[in-house]
Amino acid sequence: MSASQETIEEVAGRLWAAAESGTPCPPVRSLLPEGDVAAAYAVQTVNTRRSLAAGRRMVGRKIGLTSPAVQRQLGVSEPDYGILFADMAMPDGIEIPSSRLIQPRVEAEVAFVLGRDLDQDQVTMADLVRAVDHVLPAIEIVDSRIAAWDIRLVDTIADNASSGLYVLGGEARPLAGLDLRLAGMVLEQGGEPLSTGAGAACLGNPLNAACWLAGVMARGGWPLKAGDTILSGALGPMVDVRKGAVYDARISGLGSVRAVFSKE
């Protein structure tokens, strides 16, 4: 049994209200058919269209659930995705106000910026490599409108893949010459490593995740366009954010990026 449009609108409204108020809501999975990914994406689409109508600008996508261990935990066999809006992009090293977030966590990722559209239904790796204009280190600041991060698959998809904000490093690198599968990552706070990993943790290679996304978005009628940013998925475990803390991520071959959180 699929969810009715009335139910989809109700779930979208709860998540929208939680984002507006800064007060998380209970899990929404009890309102949707168990494991109904299509219904969860329908909820996400309602709030995406509402955001666009409110004047927000779509600038890319984020990929989640790229770790095989997390996929097994949630009982899924592929990643999920959410929308990136321009007002989610934070400057490298500039303080991020806590009022923008509810219960943030950080993770280090590889970001791709496209120089060509990817509107083929069947996107190949060659298509993707030709389309990538440059690569950047990124810190994704994931967040949840669901209380206490009590989420399952439909919760996180409906909630725009638990998106929050993101920070991109400032030095663009060409894809040529980079071995992203072997790119090592360290995420640290105050000189203490909190999370480590490598590109292989992201579906074997961050390019694999980006290629998957490009095909899914094209087939769904929301193809990736020149200028779009792709956050390709975590290279290591996410870390809870402490107010006033500074988090630095270094990815071999790409340089570094910093997220600074206010003490408010």
C-alpha atoms as a PDB file:
ATOM      1  CA  MET A   1       0.000   0.000   0.000  1.00  0.00           C
ATOM      2  CA  SER A   2       1.477   3.344  -1.032  1.00  0.00           C
ATOM      3  CA  ALA A   3       1.232   6.576   0.902  1.00  0.00           C
ATOM      4  CA  SER A   4      -1.508   9.030  -0.077  1.00  0.00           C
ATOM      5  CA  GLN A   5      -0.669  12.522  -1.248  1.00  0.00           C
ATOM      6  CA  GLU A   6      -2.321  13.819   1.918  1.00  0.00           C
ATOM      7  CA  THR A   7       0.087  11.783   4.035  1.00  0.00           C
ATOM      8  CA  ILE A   8       3.087  12.901   1.981  1.00  0.00           C
ATOM      9  CA  GLU A   9       2.061  16.537   2.448  1.00  0.00           C
ATOM     10  CA  GLU A  10       1.601  15.999   6.199  1.00  0.00           C
ATOM     11  CA  VAL A  11       5.074  14.487   6.609  1.00  0.00           C
ATOM     12  CA  ALA A  12       6.618  17.265   4.526  1.00  0.00           C
ATOM     13  CA  GLY A  13       4.862  19.847   6.691  1.00  0.00           C
ATOM     14  CA  ARG A  14       6.214  18.319   9.896  1.00  0.00           C
ATOM     15  CA  LEU A  15       9.784  18.387   8.597  1.00  0.00           C
ATOM     16  CA  TRP A  16       9.378  21.919   7.256  1.00  0.00           C
ATOM     17  CA  ALA A  17       8.050  23.137  10.610  1.00  0.00           C
ATOM     18  CA  ALA A  18      10.943  21.467  12.437  1.00  0.00           C
ATOM     19  CA  ALA A  19      13.449  23.204  10.175  1.00  0.00           C
ATOM     20  CA  GLU A  20      11.730  26.584  10.573  1.00  0.00           C
ATOM     21  CA  SER A  21      11.426  26.363  14.360  1.00  0.00           C
ATOM     22  CA  GLY A  22      14.739  24.648  15.085  1.00  0.00           C
ATOM     23  CA  THR A  23      12.846  22.093  17.171  1.00  0.00           C
ATOM     24  CA  PRO A  24      13.179  18.522  15.897  1.00  0.00           C
ATOM     25  CA  CYS A  25      10.124  16.364  15.414  1.00  0.00           C
ATOM     26  CA  PRO A  26       9.530  12.668  16.171  1.00  0.00           C
ATOM     27  CA  PRO A  27      10.487  10.144  13.479  1.00  0.00           C
ATOM     28  CA  VAL A  28       8.179  10.277  10.461  1.00  0.00           C
ATOM     29  CA  ARG A  29       8.551   6.626   9.473  1.00  0.00           C
ATOM     30  CA  SER A  30       5.433   5.689  11.422  1.00  0.00           C
ATOM     31  CA  LEU A  31       3.396   7.781   8.958  1.00  0.00           C
ATOM     32  CA  LEU A  32       4.835   6.180   5.821  1.00  0.00           C
ATOM     33  CA  PRO A  33       4.652   2.570   4.615  1.00  0.00           C
ATOM     34  CA  GLU A  34       7.643   0.643   5.927  1.00  0.00           C
ATOM     35  CA  GLY A  35      10.580   0.868   3.552  1.00  0.00           C
ATOM     36  CA  ASP A  36       8.630   2.974   1.023  1.00  0.00           C
ATOM     37  CA  VAL A  37      11.533   4.816  -0.560  1.00  0.00           C
ATOM     38  CA  ALA A  38       9.338   6.320  -3.289  1.00  0.00           C
ATOM     39  CA  ALA A  39       7.064   7.918  -0.683  1.00  0.00           C
ATOM     40  CA  ALA A  40      10.064   9.285   1.214  1.00  0.00           C
ATOM     41  CA  TYR A  41      11.460  10.881  -1.951  1.00  0.00           C
ATOM     42  CA  ALA A  42       7.990  12.279  -2.678  1.00  0.00           C
ATOM     43  CA  VAL A  43       8.139  14.019   0.719  1.00  0.00           C
ATOM     44  CA  GLN A  44      11.603  15.356  -0.121  1.00  0.00           C
ATOM     45  CA  THR A  45      10.307  16.647  -3.466  1.00  0.00           C
ATOM     46  CA  VAL A  46       7.412  18.504  -1.824  1.00  0.00           C
ATOM     47  CA  ASN A  47       9.836  20.448   0.368  1.00  0.00           C
ATOM     48  CA  THR A  48      12.297  20.924  -2.511  1.00  0.00           C
ATOM     49  CA  ARG A  49       9.573  22.580  -4.589  1.00  0.00           C
ATOM     50  CA  ARG A  50       8.497  24.622  -1.575  1.00  0.00           C
ATOM     51  CA  SER A  51      12.094  25.809  -1.095  1.00  0.00           C
ATOM     52  CA  LEU A  52      12.402  26.762  -4.763  1.00  0.00           C
ATOM     53  CA  ALA A  53       9.123  28.655  -4.586  1.00  0.00           C
ATOM     54  CA  ALA A  54      10.485  30.544  -1.567  1.00  0.00           C
ATOM     55  CA  GLY A  55      13.438  31.737  -3.668  1.00  0.00           C
ATOM     56  CA  ARG A  56      16.149  29.257  -2.745  1.00  0.00           C
ATOM     57  CA  ARG A  57      18.520  28.264  -5.555  1.00  0.00           C
ATOM     58  CA  MET A  58      19.413  24.646  -6.246  1.00  0.00           C
ATOM     59  CA  VAL A  59      23.180  24.268  -6.749  1.00  0.00           C
ATOM     60  CA  GLY A  60      23.783  20.516  -6.609  1.00  0.00           C
ATOM     61  CA  ARG A  61      23.177  17.274  -4.776  1.00  0.00           C
ATOM     62  CA  LYS A  62      24.596  15.369  -1.830  1.00  0.00           C
ATOM     63  CA  ILE A  63      24.991  11.615  -1.665  1.00  0.00           C
ATOM     64  CA  GLY A  64      24.474   9.648   1.533  1.00  0.00           C
ATOM     65  CA  LEU A  65      24.695   6.007   2.619  1.00  0.00           C
ATOM     66  CA  THR A  66      27.848   5.358   0.601  1.00  0.00           C
ATOM     67  CA  SER A  67      29.389   3.159   3.290  1.00  0.00           C
ATOM     68  CA  PRO A  68      28.651  -0.579   2.863  1.00  0.00           C
ATOM     69  CA  ALA A  69      28.493  -0.924   6.655  1.00  0.00           C
ATOM     70  CA  VAL A  70      25.805   1.776   6.939  1.00  0.00           C
ATOM     71  CA  GLN A  71      23.894   0.256   4.013  1.00  0.00           C
ATOM     72  CA  ARG A  72      23.850  -3.094   5.784  1.00  0.00           C
ATOM     73  CA  GLN A  73      22.688  -1.417   8.978  1.00  0.00           C
ATOM     74  CA  LEU A  74      19.713   0.174   7.205  1.00  0.00           C
ATOM     75  CA  GLY A  75      19.030  -2.814   4.977  1.00  0.00           C
ATOM     76  CA  VAL A  76      19.631  -1.029   1.662  1.00  0.00           C
ATOM     77  CA  SER A  77      21.793  -1.786  -1.347  1.00  0.00           C
ATOM     78  CA  GLU A  78      22.372   1.676  -2.781  1.00  0.00           C
ATOM     79  CA  PRO A  79      22.989   5.250  -1.586  1.00  0.00           C
ATOM     80  CA  ASP A  80      20.435   8.012  -1.194  1.00  0.00           C
ATOM     81  CA  TYR A  81      20.559  11.677  -2.184  1.00  0.00           C
ATOM     82  CA  GLY A  82      19.423  15.134  -1.160  1.00  0.00           C
ATOM     83  CA  ILE A  83      19.370  18.636  -2.612  1.00  0.00           C
ATOM     84  CA  LEU A  84      22.024  21.318  -2.111  1.00  0.00           C
ATOM     85  CA  PHE A  85      20.830  24.923  -2.047  1.00  0.00           C
ATOM     86  CA  ALA A  86      23.016  28.011  -2.384  1.00  0.00           C
ATOM     87  CA  ASP A  87      22.254  29.167   1.166  1.00  0.00           C
ATOM     88  CA  MET A  88      23.718  25.909   2.519  1.00  0.00           C
ATOM     89  CA  ALA A  89      27.235  26.807   1.313  1.00  0.00           C
ATOM     90  CA  MET A  90      29.400  28.241   4.098  1.00  0.00           C
ATOM     91  CA  PRO A  91      32.775  29.979   3.567  1.00  0.00           C
ATOM     92  CA  ASP A  92      35.960  28.075   4.372  1.00  0.00           C
ATOM     93  CA  GLY A  93      37.203  29.086   7.831  1.00  0.00           C
ATOM     94  CA  ILE A  94      34.420  31.613   8.582  1.00  0.00           C
ATOM     95  CA  GLU A  95      32.308  31.151  11.716  1.00  0.00           C
ATOM     96  CA  ILE A  96      29.040  29.279  11.231  1.00  0.00           C
ATOM     97  CA  PRO A  97      26.189  30.506  13.483  1.00  0.00           C
ATOM     98  CA  SER A  98      24.669  27.776  15.610  1.00  0.00           C
ATOM     99  CA  SER A  99      21.216  29.185  14.824  1.00  0.00           C
ATOM    100  CA  ARG A 100      21.511  27.589  11.371  1.00  0.00           C
ATOM    101  CA  LEU A 101      21.662  24.094  12.847  1.00  0.00           C
ATOM    102  CA  ILE A 102      19.797  21.762  15.211  1.00  0.00           C
ATOM    103  CA  GLN A 103      22.016  18.756  16.029  1.00  0.00           C
ATOM    104  CA  PRO A 104      24.950  18.954  13.624  1.00  0.00           C
ATOM    105  CA  ARG A 105      27.624  16.417  12.785  1.00  0.00           C
ATOM    106  CA  VAL A 106      30.532  16.738  10.372  1.00  0.00           C
ATOM    107  CA  GLU A 107      32.111  14.426   7.829  1.00  0.00           C
ATOM    108  CA  ALA A 108      34.841  14.914   5.223  1.00  0.00           C
ATOM    109  CA  GLU A 109      34.071  14.323   1.561  1.00  0.00           C
ATOM    110  CA  VAL A 110      35.269  14.814  -1.996  1.00  0.00           C
ATOM    111  CA  ALA A 111      33.268  17.430  -3.913  1.00  0.00           C
ATOM    112  CA  PHE A 112      32.955  17.514  -7.695  1.00  0.00           C
ATOM    113  CA  VAL A 113      31.955  20.624  -9.638  1.00  0.00           C
ATOM    114  CA  LEU A 114      30.595  19.962 -13.115  1.00  0.00           C
ATOM    115  CA  GLY A 115      31.555  21.810 -16.269  1.00  0.00           C
ATOM    116  CA  ARG A 116      29.012  20.009 -18.477  1.00  0.00           C
ATOM    117  CA  ASP A 117      25.436  18.819 -18.176  1.00  0.00           C
ATOM    118  CA  LEU A 118      24.865  15.134 -17.380  1.00  0.00           C
ATOM    119  CA  ASP A 119      21.429  14.530 -18.821  1.00  0.00           C
ATOM    120  CA  GLN A 120      21.917  11.061 -20.335  1.00  0.00           C
ATOM    121  CA  ASP A 121      19.687   8.360 -18.836  1.00  0.00           C
ATOM    122  CA  GLN A 122      22.644   5.966 -18.766  1.00  0.00           C
ATOM    123  CA  VAL A 123      25.635   7.920 -17.488  1.00  0.00           C
ATOM    124  CA  THR A 124      28.980   6.154 -17.895  1.00  0.00           C
ATOM    125  CA  MET A 125      32.179   6.790 -15.993  1.00  0.00           C
ATOM    126  CA  ALA A 126      33.609   8.318 -19.171  1.00  0.00           C
ATOM    127  CA  ASP A 127      30.653  10.739 -19.321  1.00  0.00           C
ATOM    128  CA  LEU A 128      31.250  11.744 -15.715  1.00  0.00           C
ATOM    129  CA  VAL A 129      35.009  12.210 -16.051  1.00  0.00           C
ATOM    130  CA  ARG A 130      34.494  14.449 -19.097  1.00  0.00           C
ATOM    131  CA  ALA A 131      31.892  16.474 -17.209  1.00  0.00           C
ATOM    132  CA  VAL A 132      33.910  17.150 -14.017  1.00  0.00           C
ATOM    133  CA  ASP A 133      35.488  20.599 -14.180  1.00  0.00           C
ATOM    134  CA  HIS A 134      37.318  20.428 -10.852  1.00  0.00           C
ATOM    135  CA  VAL A 135      37.532  18.662  -7.499  1.00  0.00           C
ATOM    136  CA  LEU A 136      37.558  20.161  -3.986  1.00  0.00           C
ATOM    137  CA  PRO A 137      37.867  18.945  -0.403  1.00  0.00           C
ATOM    138  CA  ALA A 138      34.630  19.389   1.514  1.00  0.00           C
ATOM    139  CA  ILE A 139      33.164  19.191   4.990  1.00  0.00           C
ATOM    140  CA  GLU A 140      29.512  18.312   4.991  1.00  0.00           C
ATOM    141  CA  ILE A 141      27.642  19.458   8.080  1.00  0.00           C
ATOM    142  CA  VAL A 142      24.870  16.908   8.298  1.00  0.00           C
ATOM    143  CA  ASP A 143      21.846  17.658  10.450  1.00  0.00           C
ATOM    144  CA  SER A 144      18.520  16.068  11.244  1.00  0.00           C
ATOM    145  CA  ARG A 145      15.087  17.475  11.800  1.00  0.00           C
ATOM    146  CA  ILE A 146      14.293  14.163  13.542  1.00  0.00           C
ATOM    147  CA  ALA A 147      14.714  14.214  17.327  1.00  0.00           C
ATOM    148  CA  ALA A 148      17.869  12.556  18.712  1.00  0.00           C
ATOM    149  CA  TRP A 149      18.904  11.334  15.251  1.00  0.00           C
ATOM    150  CA  ASP A 150      16.388   8.499  15.659  1.00  0.00           C
ATOM    151  CA  ILE A 151      16.306   7.750  11.944  1.00  0.00           C
ATOM    152  CA  ARG A 152      15.743   4.880   9.562  1.00  0.00           C
ATOM    153  CA  LEU A 153      15.896   4.944   5.776  1.00  0.00           C
ATOM    154  CA  VAL A 154      12.587   6.690   5.068  1.00  0.00           C
ATOM    155  CA  ASP A 155      13.270   9.287   7.789  1.00  0.00           C
ATOM    156  CA  THR A 156      16.569  10.416   6.321  1.00  0.00           C
ATOM    157  CA  ILE A 157      15.373  10.415   2.694  1.00  0.00           C
ATOM    158  CA  ALA A 158      12.261  12.424   3.541  1.00  0.00           C
ATOM    159  CA  ASP A 159      14.461  14.831   5.513  1.00  0.00           C
ATOM    160  CA  ASN A 160      16.534  15.715   2.418  1.00  0.00           C
ATOM    161  CA  ALA A 161      19.065  12.991   3.244  1.00  0.00           C
ATOM    162  CA  SER A 162      19.765  14.625   6.632  1.00  0.00           C
ATOM    163  CA  SER A 163      21.350  17.637   4.971  1.00  0.00           C
ATOM    164  CA  GLY A 164      22.484  20.734   6.799  1.00  0.00           C
ATOM    165  CA  LEU A 165      25.259  22.946   5.450  1.00  0.00           C
ATOM    166  CA  TYR A 166      28.586  22.397   3.704  1.00  0.00           C
ATOM    167  CA  VAL A 167      32.000  23.989   3.330  1.00  0.00           C
ATOM    168  CA  LEU A 168      34.192  23.701   0.232  1.00  0.00           C
ATOM    169  CA  GLY A 169      37.944  24.214   0.165  1.00  0.00           C
ATOM    170  CA  GLY A 170      39.152  27.097  -1.948  1.00  0.00           C
ATOM    171  CA  GLU A 171      41.793  25.478  -4.142  1.00  0.00           C
ATOM    172  CA  ALA A 172      40.298  23.721  -7.157  1.00  0.00           C
ATOM    173  CA  ARG A 173      42.167  20.699  -8.530  1.00  0.00           C
ATOM    174  CA  PRO A 174      41.696  19.058 -11.915  1.00  0.00           C
ATOM    175  CA  LEU A 175      40.537  15.457 -11.848  1.00  0.00           C
ATOM    176  CA  ALA A 176      43.432  14.376 -14.070  1.00  0.00           C
ATOM    177  CA  GLY A 177      46.249  12.888 -12.006  1.00  0.00           C
ATOM    178  CA  LEU A 178      44.141  12.237  -8.889  1.00  0.00           C
ATOM    179  CA  ASP A 179      43.706   8.708  -7.540  1.00  0.00           C
ATOM    180  CA  LEU A 180      40.607   9.328  -5.450  1.00  0.00           C
ATOM    181  CA  ARG A 181      40.235   5.673  -4.475  1.00  0.00           C
ATOM    182  CA  LEU A 182      43.482   5.856  -2.504  1.00  0.00           C
ATOM    183  CA  ALA A 183      43.084   9.460  -1.295  1.00  0.00           C
ATOM    184  CA  GLY A 184      43.563   9.446   2.483  1.00  0.00           C
ATOM    185  CA  MET A 185      41.457  11.659   4.757  1.00  0.00           C
ATOM    186  CA  VAL A 186      41.961  12.973   8.278  1.00  0.00           C
ATOM    187  CA  LEU A 187      39.323  15.033  10.082  1.00  0.00           C
ATOM    188  CA  GLU A 188      40.649  16.643  13.237  1.00  0.00           C
ATOM    189  CA  GLN A 189      39.721  19.125  15.925  1.00  0.00           C
ATOM    190  CA  GLY A 190      42.426  21.011  17.800  1.00  0.00           C
ATOM    191  CA  GLY A 191      45.099  18.791  16.271  1.00  0.00           C
ATOM    192  CA  GLU A 192      43.401  15.583  17.449  1.00  0.00           C
ATOM    193  CA  PRO A 193      42.325  13.165  14.704  1.00  0.00           C
ATOM    194  CA  LEU A 194      38.648  12.295  15.131  1.00  0.00           C
ATOM    195  CA  SER A 195      37.913  10.498  11.868  1.00  0.00           C
ATOM    196  CA  THR A 196      40.126   8.892   9.241  1.00  0.00           C
ATOM    197  CA  GLY A 197      39.392   7.147   5.990  1.00  0.00           C
ATOM    198  CA  ALA A 198      40.034   7.028   2.278  1.00  0.00           C
ATOM    199  CA  GLY A 199      38.235   7.314  -1.033  1.00  0.00           C
ATOM    200  CA  ALA A 200      37.720   3.556  -1.170  1.00  0.00           C
ATOM    201  CA  ALA A 201      35.234   3.885   1.719  1.00  0.00           C
ATOM    202  CA  CYS A 202      32.870   5.761  -0.609  1.00  0.00           C
ATOM    203  CA  LEU A 203      31.437   3.012  -2.846  1.00  0.00           C
ATOM    204  CA  GLY A 204      34.993   1.996  -3.670  1.00  0.00           C
ATOM    205  CA  ASN A 205      35.726   5.406  -5.210  1.00  0.00           C
ATOM    206  CA  PRO A 206      33.933   8.789  -4.921  1.00  0.00           C
ATOM    207  CA  LEU A 207      33.593   8.761  -8.712  1.00  0.00           C
ATOM    208  CA  ASN A 208      31.428   5.644  -8.436  1.00  0.00           C
ATOM    209  CA  ALA A 209      29.048   7.484  -6.125  1.00  0.00           C
ATOM    210  CA  ALA A 210      28.890  10.520  -8.416  1.00  0.00           C
ATOM    211  CA  CYS A 211      28.246   8.329 -11.465  1.00  0.00           C
ATOM    212  CA  TRP A 212      25.390   6.554  -9.657  1.00  0.00           C
ATOM    213  CA  LEU A 213      23.862   9.909  -8.710  1.00  0.00           C
ATOM    214  CA  ALA A 214      24.100  11.342 -12.214  1.00  0.00           C
ATOM    215  CA  GLY A 215      22.159   8.420 -13.670  1.00  0.00           C
ATOM    216  CA  VAL A 216      19.487   8.472 -10.962  1.00  0.00           C
ATOM    217  CA  MET A 217      18.919  12.217 -11.309  1.00  0.00           C
ATOM    218  CA  ALA A 218      18.713  12.085 -15.109  1.00  0.00           C
ATOM    219  CA  ARG A 219      16.202   9.243 -15.058  1.00  0.00           C
ATOM    220  CA  GLY A 220      14.162  11.073 -12.428  1.00  0.00           C
ATOM    221  CA  GLY A 221      13.874  14.260 -14.483  1.00  0.00           C
ATOM    222  CA  TRP A 222      16.256  16.359 -12.363  1.00  0.00           C
ATOM    223  CA  PRO A 223      19.527  15.993 -14.346  1.00  0.00           C
ATOM    224  CA  LEU A 224      22.771  17.431 -13.054  1.00  0.00           C
ATOM    225  CA  LYS A 225      23.825  20.614 -14.838  1.00  0.00           C
ATOM    226  CA  ALA A 226      27.050  22.475 -15.550  1.00  0.00           C
ATOM    227  CA  GLY A 227      28.038  24.357 -12.401  1.00  0.00           C
ATOM    228  CA  ASP A 228      26.395  21.869 -10.032  1.00  0.00           C
ATOM    229  CA  THR A 229      28.277  20.668  -6.967  1.00  0.00           C
ATOM    230  CA  ILE A 230      28.217  17.009  -5.951  1.00  0.00           C
ATOM    231  CA  LEU A 231      29.066  16.040  -2.379  1.00  0.00           C
ATOM    232  CA  SER A 232      30.006  12.429  -3.037  1.00  0.00           C
ATOM    233  CA  GLY A 233      29.736  10.876   0.435  1.00  0.00           C
ATOM    234  CA  ALA A 234      31.727  10.459   3.623  1.00  0.00           C
ATOM    235  CA  LEU A 235      35.285   9.118   3.553  1.00  0.00           C
ATOM    236  CA  GLY A 236      35.157   8.208   7.244  1.00  0.00           C
ATOM    237  CA  PRO A 237      32.855   8.208  10.286  1.00  0.00           C
ATOM    238  CA  MET A 238      30.864  11.347  11.076  1.00  0.00           C
ATOM    239  CA  VAL A 239      31.686  13.355  14.190  1.00  0.00           C
ATOM    240  CA  ASP A 240      29.356  15.210  16.588  1.00  0.00           C
ATOM    241  CA  VAL A 241      29.875  18.983  16.552  1.00  0.00           C
ATOM    242  CA  ARG A 242      30.795  20.894  19.711  1.00  0.00           C
ATOM    243  CA  LYS A 243      29.903  24.576  19.934  1.00  0.00           C
ATOM    244  CA  GLY A 244      32.929  26.794  19.467  1.00  0.00           C
ATOM    245  CA  ALA A 245      34.993  24.000  17.926  1.00  0.00           C
ATOM    246  CA  VAL A 246      37.038  24.156  14.722  1.00  0.00           C
ATOM    247  CA  TYR A 247      37.220  21.109  12.451  1.00  0.00           C
ATOM    248  CA  ASP A 248      39.919  20.673   9.807  1.00  0.00           C
ATOM    249  CA  ALA A 249      39.771  18.062   7.060  1.00  0.00           C
ATOM    250  CA  ARG A 250      42.748  17.100   4.907  1.00  0.00           C
ATOM    251  CA  ILE A 251      42.383  14.897   1.849  1.00  0.00           C
ATOM    252  CA  SER A 252      45.543  13.795   0.078  1.00  0.00           C
ATOM    253  CA  GLY A 253      45.866  15.387  -3.332  1.00  0.00           C
ATOM    254  CA  LEU A 254      43.118  17.909  -2.620  1.00  0.00           C
ATOM    255  CA  GLY A 255      44.349  20.003   0.297  1.00  0.00           C
ATOM    256  CA  SER A 256      42.340  21.081   3.310  1.00  0.00           C
ATOM    257  CA  VAL A 257      39.086  22.715   4.382  1.00  0.00           C
ATOM    258  CA  ARG A 258      37.938  24.129   7.733  1.00  0.00           C
ATOM    259  CA  ALA A 259      34.554  24.420   9.455  1.00  0.00           C
ATOM    260  CA  VAL A 260      34.361  26.883  12.362  1.00  0.00           C
ATOM    261  CA  PHE A 261      31.361  26.788  14.710  1.00  0.00           C
ATOM    262  CA  SER A 262      30.186  29.681  16.866  1.00  0.00           C
ATOM    263  CA  LYS A 263      30.115  29.510  20.655  1.00  0.00           C
ATOM    264  CA  GLU A 264      26.530  30.779  20.837  1.00  0.00           C
END
